[in-house]
Amino acid sequence: MLRAPPQTPRPLPRRPRQLLRPAPRCSNDASPPPPPSPSPQAAAGGIRRLVLQPEGRAKLDPRPDRGFYAFPRLVTHVDDGFIATLTDLYRERLRPGWDVLDLMSSWVSHLPPELKLGRVVGHGLNAQELARNPRLDRFFVKDLNTDQQLALEGASFDAVLCTVSVQYLQYPEKVFAEIFRVLKPGGVCIVSFSNRMFYEKAIGAWRDGTAYSRVQLVTQYFQCVEGFTQPEVVRKLPSAGGSSPSPLDALMRLFGVAGSDPFYAVISYRNFKPM
């Protein structure tokens, strides 16, 4: 999992976790796979169209993401305001007893501490980070930019969460089709992000975009898969505070060293939104 620049680490208590291992890959080729083939008349869960052009999928650093995340980054990637907003959103949308997949996760959980869930399965790029996450019952390590298939049963999760990581997906069409596959009918997917990123590892369409275009990009990721409901967008932006920020302020916020983090979330359901 790729994250934005570090803030102060927040140690969490250790406890043993069961490692859910995916099927082994036999290739060490750093080249990403070809884009998925769209299907204009796709059945539910099928990819109707491609969202990204080849240049939009490219990264400034083409080296494998597993190498980039070989060492754990035990830090937080967004500020306290963002985390509080996200936890409140989860408190509103998730239900007790639900089975949750925390996709592109890390050592920090943003789930409400009082919410008693069923099983929580985590995914990421560093096993040491995932083992520190206090809410994960199981986890697995996988690079979704080389293999998008999840070794998980279909229709087995009530919710799929993805926090401040969607900007690193080179083949989001196939990943979101997999999200649809593992969600139960009526299950929800919540994708949240801010304006931070590892610039060299974010895809071109994200690096070159604006806040508005990034929201639209994630919206299109849902819309390109047949069967997701019309995406809902949640925004919470920092107060203007009077004067306009300088270009230096904007640059510092981009790299996470000043200002507060804007909050964006795009939410969609498989087949229907429960009443």
C-alpha atoms as a PDB file:
ATOM      1  CA  MET A   1       0.000   0.000   0.000  1.00  0.00           C
ATOM      2  CA  LEU A   2       1.301   3.404  -0.810  1.00  0.00           C
ATOM      3  CA  ARG A   3       0.783   6.337   1.485  1.00  0.00           C
ATOM      4  CA  ALA A   4       1.462   9.999   1.783  1.00  0.00           C
ATOM      5  CA  PRO A   5       4.369  11.628   3.638  1.00  0.00           C
ATOM      6  CA  PRO A   6       4.682  10.833   7.359  1.00  0.00           C
ATOM      7  CA  GLN A   7       3.404  12.563  10.448  1.00  0.00           C
ATOM      8  CA  THR A   8       4.083  11.527  14.056  1.00  0.00           C
ATOM      9  CA  PRO A   9       3.849   7.744  14.601  1.00  0.00           C
ATOM     10  CA  ARG A  10       1.190   6.584  17.038  1.00  0.00           C
ATOM     11  CA  PRO A  11       2.161   3.256  18.625  1.00  0.00           C
ATOM     12  CA  LEU A  12      -0.593   0.699  18.975  1.00  0.00           C
ATOM     13  CA  PRO A  13      -0.511  -2.496  21.078  1.00  0.00           C
ATOM     14  CA  ARG A  14       0.705  -5.643  19.375  1.00  0.00           C
ATOM     15  CA  ARG A  15      -1.288  -8.809  19.209  1.00  0.00           C
ATOM     16  CA  PRO A  16      -0.789 -11.847  16.990  1.00  0.00           C
ATOM     17  CA  ARG A  17      -2.583 -12.007  13.685  1.00  0.00           C
ATOM     18  CA  GLN A  18      -3.282 -14.881  11.348  1.00  0.00           C
ATOM     19  CA  LEU A  19      -1.710 -14.338   7.941  1.00  0.00           C
ATOM     20  CA  LEU A  20      -4.028 -15.093   5.046  1.00  0.00           C
ATOM     21  CA  ARG A  21      -1.660 -15.850   2.191  1.00  0.00           C
ATOM     22  CA  PRO A  22      -2.667 -15.270  -1.425  1.00  0.00           C
ATOM     23  CA  ALA A  23      -1.706 -17.621  -4.206  1.00  0.00           C
ATOM     24  CA  PRO A  24       2.032 -17.201  -4.966  1.00  0.00           C
ATOM     25  CA  ARG A  25       3.179 -15.297  -8.008  1.00  0.00           C
ATOM     26  CA  CYS A  26       5.880 -16.882 -10.119  1.00  0.00           C
ATOM     27  CA  SER A  27       6.910 -13.794 -12.070  1.00  0.00           C
ATOM     28  CA  ASN A  28       9.324 -11.097 -10.957  1.00  0.00           C
ATOM     29  CA  ASP A  29       8.635  -8.930 -14.007  1.00  0.00           C
ATOM     30  CA  ALA A  30       8.136  -5.313 -12.935  1.00  0.00           C
ATOM     31  CA  SER A  31       6.062  -4.541 -16.020  1.00  0.00           C
ATOM     32  CA  PRO A  32       2.348  -4.145 -15.213  1.00  0.00           C
ATOM     33  CA  PRO A  33      -0.221  -6.337 -16.951  1.00  0.00           C
ATOM     34  CA  PRO A  34      -2.211  -5.055 -19.942  1.00  0.00           C
ATOM     35  CA  PRO A  35      -5.404  -3.100 -19.261  1.00  0.00           C
ATOM     36  CA  PRO A  36      -8.623  -5.101 -18.862  1.00  0.00           C
ATOM     37  CA  SER A  37     -10.857  -5.485 -21.883  1.00  0.00           C
ATOM     38  CA  PRO A  38     -14.078  -3.459 -21.615  1.00  0.00           C
ATOM     39  CA  SER A  39     -17.474  -4.964 -22.396  1.00  0.00           C
ATOM     40  CA  PRO A  40     -20.167  -2.490 -23.529  1.00  0.00           C
ATOM     41  CA  GLN A  41     -22.906  -4.965 -22.562  1.00  0.00           C
ATOM     42  CA  ALA A  42     -21.268  -6.266 -19.398  1.00  0.00           C
ATOM     43  CA  ALA A  43     -23.206  -8.353 -16.913  1.00  0.00           C
ATOM     44  CA  ALA A  44     -23.264  -7.288 -13.260  1.00  0.00           C
ATOM     45  CA  GLY A  45     -19.701  -6.884 -12.072  1.00  0.00           C
ATOM     46  CA  GLY A  46     -18.297  -6.639 -15.588  1.00  0.00           C
ATOM     47  CA  ILE A  47     -16.158  -3.762 -16.842  1.00  0.00           C
ATOM     48  CA  ARG A  48     -18.150  -1.597 -19.246  1.00  0.00           C
ATOM     49  CA  ARG A  49     -15.364   0.770 -20.291  1.00  0.00           C
ATOM     50  CA  LEU A  50     -11.827   1.809 -19.458  1.00  0.00           C
ATOM     51  CA  VAL A  51     -11.417   4.986 -17.432  1.00  0.00           C
ATOM     52  CA  LEU A  52      -7.678   5.587 -17.836  1.00  0.00           C
ATOM     53  CA  GLN A  53      -5.477   6.020 -20.877  1.00  0.00           C
ATOM     54  CA  PRO A  54      -1.979   4.451 -20.791  1.00  0.00           C
ATOM     55  CA  GLU A  55      -0.338   7.735 -19.807  1.00  0.00           C
ATOM     56  CA  GLY A  56      -2.847   8.131 -16.983  1.00  0.00           C
ATOM     57  CA  ARG A  57      -1.707   4.821 -15.484  1.00  0.00           C
ATOM     58  CA  ALA A  58       2.002   5.653 -15.565  1.00  0.00           C
ATOM     59  CA  LYS A  59       4.101   6.397 -12.472  1.00  0.00           C
ATOM     60  CA  LEU A  60       7.221   8.522 -12.234  1.00  0.00           C
ATOM     61  CA  ASP A  61       8.869   5.680 -10.307  1.00  0.00           C
ATOM     62  CA  PRO A  62       8.190   2.500 -12.311  1.00  0.00           C
ATOM     63  CA  ARG A  63       9.895   0.158  -9.857  1.00  0.00           C
ATOM     64  CA  PRO A  64       7.707  -2.502  -8.188  1.00  0.00           C
ATOM     65  CA  ASP A  65       5.599  -1.171  -5.328  1.00  0.00           C
ATOM     66  CA  ARG A  66       6.539  -4.130  -3.116  1.00  0.00           C
ATOM     67  CA  GLY A  67      10.109  -2.832  -3.072  1.00  0.00           C
ATOM     68  CA  PHE A  68       8.958   0.677  -2.201  1.00  0.00           C
ATOM     69  CA  TYR A  69       7.129  -0.743   0.811  1.00  0.00           C
ATOM     70  CA  ALA A  70       9.764  -3.272   1.868  1.00  0.00           C
ATOM     71  CA  PHE A  71      10.211  -1.440   5.175  1.00  0.00           C
ATOM     72  CA  PRO A  72       7.235  -0.594   7.419  1.00  0.00           C
ATOM     73  CA  ARG A  73       6.100   3.002   7.741  1.00  0.00           C
ATOM     74  CA  LEU A  74       4.588   3.130  11.216  1.00  0.00           C
ATOM     75  CA  VAL A  75       3.247   6.660  10.848  1.00  0.00           C
ATOM     76  CA  THR A  76      -0.105   8.312  10.225  1.00  0.00           C
ATOM     77  CA  HIS A  77      -0.722   9.634   6.716  1.00  0.00           C
ATOM     78  CA  VAL A  78      -3.483  12.186   7.342  1.00  0.00           C
ATOM     79  CA  ASP A  79      -4.233  14.573  10.188  1.00  0.00           C
ATOM     80  CA  ASP A  80      -6.528  14.110  13.182  1.00  0.00           C
ATOM     81  CA  GLY A  81      -9.372  16.052  11.576  1.00  0.00           C
ATOM     82  CA  PHE A  82      -9.427  13.741   8.556  1.00  0.00           C
ATOM     83  CA  ILE A  83      -9.302  10.654  10.753  1.00  0.00           C
ATOM     84  CA  ALA A  84     -12.155  11.899  12.964  1.00  0.00           C
ATOM     85  CA  THR A  85     -14.311  12.651   9.913  1.00  0.00           C
ATOM     86  CA  LEU A  86     -13.619   9.229   8.433  1.00  0.00           C
ATOM     87  CA  THR A  87     -14.373   7.425  11.696  1.00  0.00           C
ATOM     88  CA  ASP A  88     -17.685   9.318  11.963  1.00  0.00           C
ATOM     89  CA  LEU A  89     -18.535   8.301   8.392  1.00  0.00           C
ATOM     90  CA  TYR A  90     -17.828   4.652   9.216  1.00  0.00           C
ATOM     91  CA  ARG A  91     -19.922   5.020  12.363  1.00  0.00           C
ATOM     92  CA  GLU A  92     -22.810   6.235  10.197  1.00  0.00           C
ATOM     93  CA  ARG A  93     -22.537   3.715   7.344  1.00  0.00           C
ATOM     94  CA  LEU A  94     -21.308   0.478   8.921  1.00  0.00           C
ATOM     95  CA  ARG A  95     -23.409  -1.856  11.089  1.00  0.00           C
ATOM     96  CA  PRO A  96     -22.565  -4.184  14.007  1.00  0.00           C
ATOM     97  CA  GLY A  97     -21.749  -7.724  12.952  1.00  0.00           C
ATOM     98  CA  TRP A  98     -20.702  -6.789   9.426  1.00  0.00           C
ATOM     99  CA  ASP A  99     -17.796  -8.490   7.677  1.00  0.00           C
ATOM    100  CA  VAL A 100     -15.349  -5.860   6.430  1.00  0.00           C
ATOM    101  CA  LEU A 101     -12.466  -5.880   3.935  1.00  0.00           C
ATOM    102  CA  ASP A 102      -9.962  -3.108   4.663  1.00  0.00           C
ATOM    103  CA  LEU A 103      -8.278  -2.794   1.277  1.00  0.00           C
ATOM    104  CA  MET A 104      -4.813  -1.177   0.993  1.00  0.00           C
ATOM    105  CA  SER A 105      -4.698  -0.943   4.765  1.00  0.00           C
ATOM    106  CA  SER A 106      -1.831  -0.298   7.192  1.00  0.00           C
ATOM    107  CA  TRP A 107      -1.041  -0.432  10.918  1.00  0.00           C
ATOM    108  CA  VAL A 108      -3.715   2.141  11.831  1.00  0.00           C
ATOM    109  CA  SER A 109      -7.429   1.369  12.010  1.00  0.00           C
ATOM    110  CA  HIS A 110      -9.969   4.114  11.405  1.00  0.00           C
ATOM    111  CA  LEU A 111     -12.930   1.966  12.443  1.00  0.00           C
ATOM    112  CA  PRO A 112     -15.002   3.212  15.416  1.00  0.00           C
ATOM    113  CA  PRO A 113     -13.578   1.489  18.494  1.00  0.00           C
ATOM    114  CA  GLU A 114     -17.046   0.764  19.927  1.00  0.00           C
ATOM    115  CA  LEU A 115     -18.351  -0.857  16.716  1.00  0.00           C
ATOM    116  CA  LYS A 116     -18.403  -4.648  17.120  1.00  0.00           C
ATOM    117  CA  LEU A 117     -17.908  -6.132  13.665  1.00  0.00           C
ATOM    118  CA  GLY A 118     -17.858  -9.696  12.394  1.00  0.00           C
ATOM    119  CA  ARG A 119     -14.537 -10.460  10.751  1.00  0.00           C
ATOM    120  CA  VAL A 120     -12.193  -7.738   9.530  1.00  0.00           C
ATOM    121  CA  VAL A 121      -9.769  -8.814   6.799  1.00  0.00           C
ATOM    122  CA  GLY A 122      -6.928  -6.493   5.856  1.00  0.00           C
ATOM    123  CA  HIS A 123      -4.847  -6.151   2.713  1.00  0.00           C
ATOM    124  CA  GLY A 124      -1.680  -4.178   2.132  1.00  0.00           C
ATOM    125  CA  LEU A 125       1.922  -4.234   0.956  1.00  0.00           C
ATOM    126  CA  ASN A 126       3.781  -4.677   4.246  1.00  0.00           C
ATOM    127  CA  ALA A 127       3.083  -7.566   6.605  1.00  0.00           C
ATOM    128  CA  GLN A 128       4.692  -5.838   9.601  1.00  0.00           C
ATOM    129  CA  GLU A 129       2.334  -2.883   9.275  1.00  0.00           C
ATOM    130  CA  LEU A 130      -0.714  -5.093   8.924  1.00  0.00           C
ATOM    131  CA  ALA A 131       0.295  -7.206  11.925  1.00  0.00           C
ATOM    132  CA  ARG A 132       0.185  -4.068  14.082  1.00  0.00           C
ATOM    133  CA  ASN A 133      -3.380  -3.173  13.087  1.00  0.00           C
ATOM    134  CA  PRO A 134      -5.537  -3.889  16.181  1.00  0.00           C
ATOM    135  CA  ARG A 135      -8.777  -4.463  14.245  1.00  0.00           C
ATOM    136  CA  LEU A 136      -7.618  -7.011  11.687  1.00  0.00           C
ATOM    137  CA  ASP A 137      -8.546 -10.641  12.283  1.00  0.00           C
ATOM    138  CA  ARG A 138      -6.611 -11.765   9.207  1.00  0.00           C
ATOM    139  CA  PHE A 139      -4.588 -10.089   6.499  1.00  0.00           C
ATOM    140  CA  PHE A 140      -2.804 -10.764   3.234  1.00  0.00           C
ATOM    141  CA  VAL A 141      -0.069  -9.033   1.255  1.00  0.00           C
ATOM    142  CA  LYS A 142      -0.564  -8.428  -2.453  1.00  0.00           C
ATOM    143  CA  ASP A 143       0.512  -5.903  -5.083  1.00  0.00           C
ATOM    144  CA  LEU A 144      -2.691  -4.924  -6.877  1.00  0.00           C
ATOM    145  CA  ASN A 145      -0.710  -3.282  -9.671  1.00  0.00           C
ATOM    146  CA  THR A 146       0.667  -6.638 -10.791  1.00  0.00           C
ATOM    147  CA  ASP A 147      -2.292  -8.891  -9.978  1.00  0.00           C
ATOM    148  CA  GLN A 148      -5.765  -7.502  -9.342  1.00  0.00           C
ATOM    149  CA  GLN A 149      -7.533 -10.749  -8.441  1.00  0.00           C
ATOM    150  CA  LEU A 150      -8.399 -11.113  -4.751  1.00  0.00           C
ATOM    151  CA  ALA A 151      -8.132 -14.613  -3.266  1.00  0.00           C
ATOM    152  CA  LEU A 152     -11.457 -14.123  -1.490  1.00  0.00           C
ATOM    153  CA  GLU A 153     -14.887 -15.690  -1.904  1.00  0.00           C
ATOM    154  CA  GLY A 154     -17.515 -13.803  -3.861  1.00  0.00           C
ATOM    155  CA  ALA A 155     -20.324 -12.008  -2.008  1.00  0.00           C
ATOM    156  CA  SER A 156     -18.536 -12.469   1.317  1.00  0.00           C
ATOM    157  CA  PHE A 157     -18.212  -8.911   2.683  1.00  0.00           C
ATOM    158  CA  ASP A 158     -20.744  -6.325   3.802  1.00  0.00           C
ATOM    159  CA  ALA A 159     -18.288  -3.453   3.291  1.00  0.00           C
ATOM    160  CA  VAL A 160     -15.031  -2.758   1.466  1.00  0.00           C
ATOM    161  CA  LEU A 161     -12.970   0.223   2.650  1.00  0.00           C
ATOM    162  CA  CYS A 162     -10.065   1.957   0.935  1.00  0.00           C
ATOM    163  CA  THR A 163      -8.367   4.844   2.747  1.00  0.00           C
ATOM    164  CA  VAL A 164      -5.951   7.355   1.153  1.00  0.00           C
ATOM    165  CA  SER A 165      -4.593   4.774  -1.294  1.00  0.00           C
ATOM    166  CA  VAL A 166      -6.761   4.784  -4.414  1.00  0.00           C
ATOM    167  CA  GLN A 167      -4.319   7.200  -6.096  1.00  0.00           C
ATOM    168  CA  TYR A 168      -1.783   4.388  -6.542  1.00  0.00           C
ATOM    169  CA  LEU A 169      -3.969   1.924  -8.493  1.00  0.00           C
ATOM    170  CA  GLN A 170      -2.807   1.520 -12.095  1.00  0.00           C
ATOM    171  CA  TYR A 171      -5.684  -0.786 -13.073  1.00  0.00           C
ATOM    172  CA  PRO A 172      -8.597   0.479 -10.974  1.00  0.00           C
ATOM    173  CA  GLU A 173     -11.182  -0.916 -13.380  1.00  0.00           C
ATOM    174  CA  LYS A 174     -10.219  -4.505 -12.511  1.00  0.00           C
ATOM    175  CA  VAL A 175      -9.785  -3.727  -8.819  1.00  0.00           C
ATOM    176  CA  PHE A 176     -13.257  -2.194  -8.584  1.00  0.00           C
ATOM    177  CA  ALA A 177     -14.697  -5.180 -10.467  1.00  0.00           C
ATOM    178  CA  GLU A 178     -13.114  -7.374  -7.775  1.00  0.00           C
ATOM    179  CA  ILE A 179     -14.585  -5.144  -5.076  1.00  0.00           C
ATOM    180  CA  PHE A 180     -18.008  -5.673  -6.638  1.00  0.00           C
ATOM    181  CA  ARG A 181     -17.425  -9.433  -6.747  1.00  0.00           C
ATOM    182  CA  VAL A 182     -16.530  -9.797  -3.052  1.00  0.00           C
ATOM    183  CA  LEU A 183     -19.316  -7.487  -1.821  1.00  0.00           C
ATOM    184  CA  LYS A 184     -22.629  -8.962  -0.779  1.00  0.00           C
ATOM    185  CA  PRO A 185     -25.703  -7.580  -2.600  1.00  0.00           C
ATOM    186  CA  GLY A 186     -26.405  -4.239  -0.930  1.00  0.00           C
ATOM    187  CA  GLY A 187     -22.853  -4.086   0.414  1.00  0.00           C
ATOM    188  CA  VAL A 188     -21.076  -0.745   0.504  1.00  0.00           C
ATOM    189  CA  CYS A 189     -17.684   0.431  -0.719  1.00  0.00           C
ATOM    190  CA  ILE A 190     -16.224   3.609   0.819  1.00  0.00           C
ATOM    191  CA  VAL A 191     -13.166   5.146  -0.864  1.00  0.00           C
ATOM    192  CA  SER A 192     -11.651   8.098   1.040  1.00  0.00           C
ATOM    193  CA  PHE A 193      -8.735  10.344   0.137  1.00  0.00           C
ATOM    194  CA  SER A 194      -7.198  13.754   0.685  1.00  0.00           C
ATOM    195  CA  ASN A 195      -4.625  15.798  -1.237  1.00  0.00           C
ATOM    196  CA  ARG A 196      -1.538  13.959  -0.010  1.00  0.00           C
ATOM    197  CA  MET A 197       0.363  11.355  -1.963  1.00  0.00           C
ATOM    198  CA  PHE A 198       3.721   9.788  -2.614  1.00  0.00           C
ATOM    199  CA  TYR A 199       4.122  11.847  -5.758  1.00  0.00           C
ATOM    200  CA  GLU A 200       6.468   9.473  -7.562  1.00  0.00           C
ATOM    201  CA  LYS A 201       4.109   6.534  -6.969  1.00  0.00           C
ATOM    202  CA  ALA A 202       0.763   8.173  -7.765  1.00  0.00           C
ATOM    203  CA  ILE A 203      -0.610   7.529 -11.253  1.00  0.00           C
ATOM    204  CA  GLY A 204      -0.389  10.287 -13.848  1.00  0.00           C
ATOM    205  CA  ALA A 205      -4.135  10.947 -13.923  1.00  0.00           C
ATOM    206  CA  TRP A 206      -4.014  11.668 -10.185  1.00  0.00           C
ATOM    207  CA  ARG A 207      -0.761  13.653 -10.129  1.00  0.00           C
ATOM    208  CA  ASP A 208      -1.921  15.956 -12.909  1.00  0.00           C
ATOM    209  CA  GLY A 209      -5.451  16.341 -11.590  1.00  0.00           C
ATOM    210  CA  THR A 210      -7.305  18.754  -9.340  1.00  0.00           C
ATOM    211  CA  ALA A 211      -9.427  18.041  -6.280  1.00  0.00           C
ATOM    212  CA  TYR A 212     -12.514  18.076  -8.507  1.00  0.00           C
ATOM    213  CA  SER A 213     -11.027  15.809 -11.179  1.00  0.00           C
ATOM    214  CA  ARG A 214      -9.858  13.294  -8.575  1.00  0.00           C
ATOM    215  CA  VAL A 215     -13.358  13.024  -7.139  1.00  0.00           C
ATOM    216  CA  GLN A 216     -14.667  12.526 -10.667  1.00  0.00           C
ATOM    217  CA  LEU A 217     -11.998   9.905 -11.327  1.00  0.00           C
ATOM    218  CA  VAL A 218     -13.050   7.758  -8.351  1.00  0.00           C
ATOM    219  CA  THR A 219     -16.691   8.269  -9.324  1.00  0.00           C
ATOM    220  CA  GLN A 220     -15.875   6.896 -12.775  1.00  0.00           C
ATOM    221  CA  TYR A 221     -14.117   3.884 -11.243  1.00  0.00           C
ATOM    222  CA  PHE A 222     -17.468   2.870  -9.752  1.00  0.00           C
ATOM    223  CA  GLN A 223     -19.428   3.788 -12.860  1.00  0.00           C
ATOM    224  CA  CYS A 224     -17.239   1.682 -15.163  1.00  0.00           C
ATOM    225  CA  VAL A 225     -18.327  -1.504 -13.362  1.00  0.00           C
ATOM    226  CA  GLU A 226     -21.853  -2.711 -14.130  1.00  0.00           C
ATOM    227  CA  GLY A 227     -24.036  -2.988 -11.032  1.00  0.00           C
ATOM    228  CA  PHE A 228     -22.729  -0.304  -8.684  1.00  0.00           C
ATOM    229  CA  THR A 229     -25.251   2.321  -7.576  1.00  0.00           C
ATOM    230  CA  GLN A 230     -24.787   5.984  -8.503  1.00  0.00           C
ATOM    231  CA  PRO A 231     -21.784   7.105  -6.415  1.00  0.00           C
ATOM    232  CA  GLU A 232     -22.319   9.525  -3.558  1.00  0.00           C
ATOM    233  CA  VAL A 233     -19.660  12.131  -2.758  1.00  0.00           C
ATOM    234  CA  VAL A 234     -18.900  13.401   0.747  1.00  0.00           C
ATOM    235  CA  ARG A 235     -16.654  16.451   1.161  1.00  0.00           C
ATOM    236  CA  LYS A 236     -15.336  18.282   4.191  1.00  0.00           C
ATOM    237  CA  LEU A 237     -12.950  21.110   3.366  1.00  0.00           C
ATOM    238  CA  PRO A 238     -10.803  23.212   5.699  1.00  0.00           C
ATOM    239  CA  SER A 239     -12.084  26.689   6.565  1.00  0.00           C
ATOM    240  CA  ALA A 240     -10.742  29.418   4.333  1.00  0.00           C
ATOM    241  CA  GLY A 241      -9.542  31.372   7.368  1.00  0.00           C
ATOM    242  CA  GLY A 242      -9.663  34.743   5.685  1.00  0.00           C
ATOM    243  CA  SER A 243      -6.686  35.332   3.414  1.00  0.00           C
ATOM    244  CA  SER A 244      -5.903  33.221   0.369  1.00  0.00           C
ATOM    245  CA  PRO A 245      -3.045  30.736   0.769  1.00  0.00           C
ATOM    246  CA  SER A 246       0.225  31.472  -0.966  1.00  0.00           C
ATOM    247  CA  PRO A 247       1.676  29.109  -3.601  1.00  0.00           C
ATOM    248  CA  LEU A 248       4.187  27.984  -0.957  1.00  0.00           C
ATOM    249  CA  ASP A 249       1.348  27.150   1.456  1.00  0.00           C
ATOM    250  CA  ALA A 250      -0.361  25.098  -1.237  1.00  0.00           C
ATOM    251  CA  LEU A 251       2.875  23.219  -1.991  1.00  0.00           C
ATOM    252  CA  MET A 252       3.491  22.524   1.692  1.00  0.00           C
ATOM    253  CA  ARG A 253      -0.045  21.190   2.114  1.00  0.00           C
ATOM    254  CA  LEU A 254       0.468  18.896  -0.882  1.00  0.00           C
ATOM    255  CA  PHE A 255       3.396  17.262   0.894  1.00  0.00           C
ATOM    256  CA  GLY A 256       1.631  17.185   4.244  1.00  0.00           C
ATOM    257  CA  VAL A 257       3.697  19.636   6.251  1.00  0.00           C
ATOM    258  CA  ALA A 258       1.206  22.462   6.760  1.00  0.00           C
ATOM    259  CA  GLY A 259      -2.489  23.204   6.937  1.00  0.00           C
ATOM    260  CA  SER A 260      -5.303  20.755   7.541  1.00  0.00           C
ATOM    261  CA  ASP A 261      -6.288  17.938   5.239  1.00  0.00           C
ATOM    262  CA  PRO A 262      -9.394  18.198   3.068  1.00  0.00           C
ATOM    263  CA  PHE A 263     -11.653  15.141   3.281  1.00  0.00           C
ATOM    264  CA  TYR A 264     -13.223  13.404   0.293  1.00  0.00           C
ATOM    265  CA  ALA A 265     -15.116  10.116   0.160  1.00  0.00           C
ATOM    266  CA  VAL A 266     -16.910   8.412  -2.708  1.00  0.00           C
ATOM    267  CA  ILE A 267     -19.485   5.796  -1.693  1.00  0.00           C
ATOM    268  CA  SER A 268     -21.345   3.226  -3.759  1.00  0.00           C
ATOM    269  CA  TYR A 269     -23.300   0.012  -3.167  1.00  0.00           C
ATOM    270  CA  ARG A 270     -23.482  -3.290  -4.980  1.00  0.00           C
ATOM    271  CA  ASN A 271     -26.828  -3.546  -6.812  1.00  0.00           C
ATOM    272  CA  PHE A 272     -28.841  -1.353  -4.453  1.00  0.00           C
ATOM    273  CA  LYS A 273     -28.612   0.908  -1.431  1.00  0.00           C
ATOM    274  CA  PRO A 274     -30.466  -0.671   1.502  1.00  0.00           C
ATOM    275  CA  MET A 275     -33.257   1.417   3.000  1.00  0.00           C
END
